[in-house]
Amino acid sequence: MDAIATAERDKSAIGFDPLSSEYLADPYPVLAAAAAAAPVFYCESIGHWVVTRYHDIRHIFRTPTLFSAANANSPLRSPCPMAAKALEGGGFKSVPTLANVDPPAHTRVRKIANVAGQRAHEVFRREELYKDFIIAASKAYGEALVSNEPQIQDLVALYAMVSRMRVVSSPQTIDCADNIMRTTIETYFAPNKTMRDLNDIIKTGTALDPLKEFSEIVREELQLLTSL
């Protein structure tokens, strides 16, 4: 009641209008002034109560038994009768989303969203791991073709990536990554290749591409994970 009394006293001084050109151009000074003027007030321009302070807003979000989200996606101003009739005739109506449903419906929708979000995060995490592995493996294999002195730190970094794959990747991806490691190490013990040697290998079509199979396997893995 104290907050409402304060709002009634201060609302004329706030002049809050979220549809004004000033607010749309830069809302933050307007929001700061509103928060300083009152924790809650009634906004005449949109016909809603406005809560301005973090802890009050957090309390509202966490107390659905007192504060419903049912009108969260409703327009701030109702459409004119003609527009309302056209919307109704076209079958346009509010649909349940995370923003405008209360528990238990909200809980069901959130579970679906959480699963989709977790899967998208997992796809991104694997994409980053495989990208880093391809770059590092390409560098190590290129060095092995022309040198007999391996860069131990580069090989250790590759092994670390393969170890991460053992936690999250498919068996085919892990086997392919292991093969790339073995091929790279074996190449260090083979005779070094000159530019002429590499050119001849490419011309004869016998070039070894240890990453081709890996790229194809991880693409299939990520496509499968995305489609689940």
Protein backbone atom coordinates (compact mmCIF):
# COMPACT_ATOMS: atom_id res chain seq x y z
CA MET A 1 0.00 0.00 0.00
CA ASP A 2 2.90 2.36 0.75
CA ALA A 3 4.28 1.76 -2.72
CA ILE A 4 0.92 2.49 -4.32
CA ALA A 5 0.51 5.63 -2.26
CA THR A 6 3.98 6.76 -3.34
CA ALA A 7 3.10 5.97 -6.93
CA GLU A 8 -0.08 8.02 -6.79
CA ARG A 9 1.87 10.93 -5.32
CA ASP A 10 4.75 10.77 -7.79
CA LYS A 11 3.14 9.58 -11.01
CA SER A 12 2.48 13.07 -12.34
CA ALA A 13 6.16 13.95 -11.92
CA ILE A 14 7.42 10.80 -13.65
CA GLY A 15 5.90 11.41 -17.07
CA PHE A 16 6.79 7.87 -18.14
CA ASP A 17 5.77 6.83 -21.66
CA PRO A 18 7.53 3.79 -23.20
CA LEU A 19 6.08 4.67 -26.60
CA SER A 20 7.50 8.19 -26.68
CA SER A 21 10.26 9.12 -29.13
CA GLU A 22 12.51 10.06 -26.19
CA TYR A 23 12.18 6.63 -24.61
CA LEU A 24 12.58 4.73 -27.88
CA ALA A 25 15.71 6.71 -28.74
CA ASP A 26 17.41 6.04 -25.38
CA PRO A 27 15.36 4.33 -22.66
CA TYR A 28 18.04 4.20 -19.96
CA PRO A 29 17.89 7.81 -18.69
CA VAL A 30 14.09 7.56 -18.60
CA LEU A 31 14.21 4.28 -16.67
CA ALA A 32 16.76 5.70 -14.23
CA ALA A 33 14.58 8.75 -13.57
CA ALA A 34 11.50 6.54 -13.07
CA ALA A 35 13.35 4.27 -10.63
CA ALA A 36 14.53 7.28 -8.66
CA ALA A 37 11.01 8.73 -8.53
CA ALA A 38 9.04 5.66 -7.41
CA PRO A 39 9.40 1.89 -7.03
CA VAL A 40 6.02 1.35 -8.71
CA PHE A 41 3.57 3.62 -10.51
CA TYR A 42 0.62 3.50 -12.85
CA CYS A 43 1.43 4.52 -16.43
CA GLU A 44 -1.52 6.30 -17.99
CA SER A 45 -0.22 6.04 -21.57
CA ILE A 46 -0.29 2.23 -21.63
CA GLY A 47 -2.72 1.44 -18.80
CA HIS A 48 -0.29 -0.70 -16.81
CA TRP A 49 1.52 -0.62 -13.51
CA VAL A 50 5.28 -0.21 -13.91
CA VAL A 51 7.79 -1.65 -11.41
CA THR A 52 11.19 0.00 -11.60
CA ARG A 53 13.55 -1.66 -9.12
CA TYR A 54 15.50 -4.87 -9.49
CA HIS A 55 14.58 -6.66 -6.28
CA ASP A 56 10.87 -5.91 -6.75
CA ILE A 57 10.99 -7.16 -10.34
CA ARG A 58 12.84 -10.29 -9.24
CA HIS A 59 10.21 -10.92 -6.57
CA ILE A 60 7.45 -10.63 -9.19
CA PHE A 61 9.15 -13.07 -11.54
CA ARG A 62 9.66 -15.57 -8.73
CA THR A 63 6.11 -15.38 -7.35
CA PRO A 64 3.76 -16.59 -10.10
CA THR A 65 1.05 -17.35 -7.54
CA LEU A 66 0.63 -13.60 -7.02
CA PHE A 67 1.75 -12.16 -10.34
CA SER A 68 0.55 -13.77 -13.57
CA ALA A 69 2.43 -13.63 -16.88
CA ALA A 70 -0.71 -14.25 -18.93
CA ASN A 71 -0.71 -10.79 -20.54
CA ALA A 72 3.07 -10.52 -20.98
CA ASN A 73 2.88 -10.72 -24.78
CA SER A 74 -0.31 -8.71 -25.10
CA PRO A 75 -0.08 -5.40 -26.99
CA LEU A 76 0.40 -2.34 -24.79
CA ARG A 77 -2.57 -0.79 -26.51
CA SER A 78 -5.54 -2.79 -27.71
CA PRO A 79 -6.08 -2.77 -31.48
CA CYS A 80 -9.00 -0.85 -32.88
CA PRO A 81 -12.21 -2.88 -33.45
CA MET A 82 -11.54 -3.26 -37.17
CA ALA A 83 -7.99 -4.51 -36.59
CA ALA A 84 -9.16 -6.82 -33.79
CA LYS A 85 -11.79 -8.33 -36.10
CA ALA A 86 -9.21 -8.83 -38.87
CA LEU A 87 -6.81 -10.54 -36.48
CA GLU A 88 -9.52 -12.81 -35.17
CA GLY A 89 -10.72 -13.66 -38.67
CA GLY A 90 -7.17 -14.51 -39.74
CA GLY A 91 -6.68 -16.86 -36.82
CA PHE A 92 -4.04 -14.69 -35.16
CA LYS A 93 -4.13 -15.17 -31.41
CA SER A 94 -1.83 -15.40 -28.44
CA VAL A 95 0.05 -18.69 -28.17
CA PRO A 96 1.68 -20.12 -25.03
CA THR A 97 5.38 -19.30 -24.74
CA LEU A 98 7.88 -19.03 -21.92
CA ALA A 99 6.96 -15.37 -21.52
CA ASN A 100 3.18 -15.57 -21.15
CA VAL A 101 2.27 -18.77 -19.28
CA ASP A 102 2.27 -19.58 -15.59
CA PRO A 103 3.18 -22.87 -13.89
CA PRO A 104 2.58 -25.71 -14.50
CA ALA A 105 2.36 -24.91 -18.24
CA HIS A 106 5.43 -22.68 -17.96
CA THR A 107 7.41 -25.54 -16.45
CA ARG A 108 6.56 -27.84 -19.35
CA VAL A 109 7.55 -25.23 -21.94
CA ARG A 110 10.77 -24.43 -20.08
CA LYS A 111 11.78 -28.11 -20.05
CA ILE A 112 11.43 -28.22 -23.83
CA ALA A 113 13.42 -25.01 -24.22
CA ASN A 114 16.12 -26.25 -21.85
CA VAL A 115 16.60 -29.43 -23.84
CA ALA A 116 16.91 -27.47 -27.10
CA GLY A 117 19.30 -24.98 -25.49
CA GLN A 118 21.50 -27.70 -24.04
CA ARG A 119 21.68 -29.48 -27.39
CA ALA A 120 22.63 -26.27 -29.20
CA HIS A 121 25.34 -25.61 -26.63
CA GLU A 122 26.70 -29.14 -27.07
CA VAL A 123 26.80 -28.75 -30.85
CA PHE A 124 28.68 -25.46 -30.50
CA ARG A 125 31.14 -27.00 -28.01
CA ARG A 126 31.95 -29.89 -30.34
CA GLU A 127 32.25 -27.60 -33.36
CA GLU A 128 34.86 -25.53 -31.53
CA LEU A 129 36.76 -28.65 -30.41
CA TYR A 130 36.81 -30.15 -33.90
CA LYS A 131 37.80 -26.85 -35.51
CA ASP A 132 40.74 -26.48 -33.12
CA PHE A 133 41.77 -30.09 -33.73
CA ILE A 134 41.68 -29.71 -37.52
CA ILE A 135 43.82 -26.57 -37.38
CA ALA A 136 46.35 -28.10 -34.97
CA ALA A 137 46.48 -31.46 -36.78
CA SER A 138 46.98 -29.76 -40.15
CA LYS A 139 49.90 -27.79 -38.73
CA ALA A 140 51.49 -30.86 -37.12
CA TYR A 141 51.09 -33.01 -40.23
CA GLY A 142 52.52 -30.28 -42.45
CA GLU A 143 55.59 -30.04 -40.20
CA ALA A 144 55.97 -33.83 -40.20
CA LEU A 145 56.16 -33.89 -44.00
CA VAL A 146 59.25 -31.67 -44.07
CA SER A 147 60.93 -32.33 -40.71
CA ASN A 148 62.18 -35.21 -38.57
CA GLU A 149 62.11 -33.15 -35.40
CA PRO A 150 58.61 -33.14 -33.95
CA GLN A 151 57.32 -30.21 -31.94
CA ILE A 152 56.48 -32.10 -28.77
CA GLN A 153 54.22 -29.36 -27.40
CA ASP A 154 52.10 -29.51 -30.57
CA LEU A 155 51.67 -33.27 -30.30
CA VAL A 156 50.79 -33.00 -26.61
CA ALA A 157 48.13 -30.39 -27.48
CA LEU A 158 46.68 -32.80 -30.06
CA TYR A 159 46.58 -35.61 -27.52
CA ALA A 160 44.77 -33.30 -25.11
CA MET A 161 42.09 -32.61 -27.74
CA VAL A 162 41.68 -36.32 -28.45
CA SER A 163 41.26 -36.91 -24.72
CA ARG A 164 38.45 -34.34 -24.67
CA MET A 165 36.84 -36.15 -27.59
CA ARG A 166 36.84 -39.38 -25.57
CA VAL A 167 34.40 -37.68 -23.19
CA VAL A 168 31.88 -36.29 -25.70
CA SER A 169 32.44 -37.67 -29.20
CA SER A 170 31.25 -40.73 -31.09
CA PRO A 171 33.51 -43.83 -31.25
CA GLN A 172 34.05 -43.24 -34.99
CA THR A 173 35.27 -39.70 -34.37
CA ILE A 174 37.64 -40.84 -31.64
CA ASP A 175 39.08 -43.66 -33.79
CA CYS A 176 39.61 -41.27 -36.67
CA ALA A 177 41.38 -38.74 -34.44
CA ASP A 178 43.63 -41.52 -33.11
CA ASN A 179 44.50 -42.49 -36.69
CA ILE A 180 45.46 -38.91 -37.47
CA MET A 181 47.80 -38.89 -34.47
CA ARG A 182 49.45 -42.15 -35.56
CA THR A 183 49.78 -40.97 -39.15
CA THR A 184 51.38 -37.72 -38.05
CA ILE A 185 53.93 -39.46 -35.82
CA GLU A 186 54.76 -42.05 -38.50
CA THR A 187 55.29 -39.26 -41.01
CA TYR A 188 57.99 -37.74 -38.81
CA PHE A 189 59.98 -40.98 -39.22
CA ALA A 190 59.55 -41.06 -43.01
CA PRO A 191 61.98 -39.27 -45.35
CA ASN A 192 61.39 -35.54 -45.51
CA LYS A 193 59.49 -34.25 -48.51
CA THR A 194 60.74 -31.42 -50.68
CA MET A 195 58.47 -29.07 -52.58
CA ARG A 196 59.22 -31.10 -55.70
CA ASP A 197 58.18 -34.29 -53.88
CA LEU A 198 54.95 -32.69 -52.72
CA ASN A 199 54.24 -31.42 -56.23
CA ASP A 200 54.79 -34.90 -57.69
CA ILE A 201 52.51 -36.47 -55.07
CA ILE A 202 49.74 -34.01 -55.90
CA LYS A 203 50.14 -34.54 -59.66
CA THR A 204 49.96 -38.32 -59.39
CA GLY A 205 46.91 -38.14 -57.17
CA THR A 206 48.53 -40.05 -54.32
CA ALA A 207 48.40 -37.17 -51.85
CA LEU A 208 47.53 -38.30 -48.34
CA ASP A 209 44.80 -36.29 -46.67
CA PRO A 210 44.49 -37.66 -43.12
CA LEU A 211 41.85 -35.08 -42.21
CA LYS A 212 39.36 -35.80 -45.00
CA GLU A 213 37.74 -38.77 -43.28
CA PHE A 214 37.73 -36.94 -39.94
CA SER A 215 35.93 -33.94 -41.44
CA GLU A 216 33.26 -36.16 -43.00
CA ILE A 217 32.69 -38.14 -39.79
CA VAL A 218 32.34 -35.10 -37.54
CA ARG A 219 29.97 -33.44 -40.03
CA GLU A 220 27.70 -36.48 -39.85
CA GLU A 221 27.99 -36.53 -36.05
CA LEU A 222 27.01 -32.88 -35.72
CA GLN A 223 24.12 -33.25 -38.18
CA LEU A 224 22.81 -36.20 -36.18
CA LEU A 225 23.12 -34.31 -32.91
CA THR A 226 21.28 -31.31 -34.38
CA SER A 227 18.42 -33.46 -35.66
CA LEU A 228 17.68 -35.15 -32.34
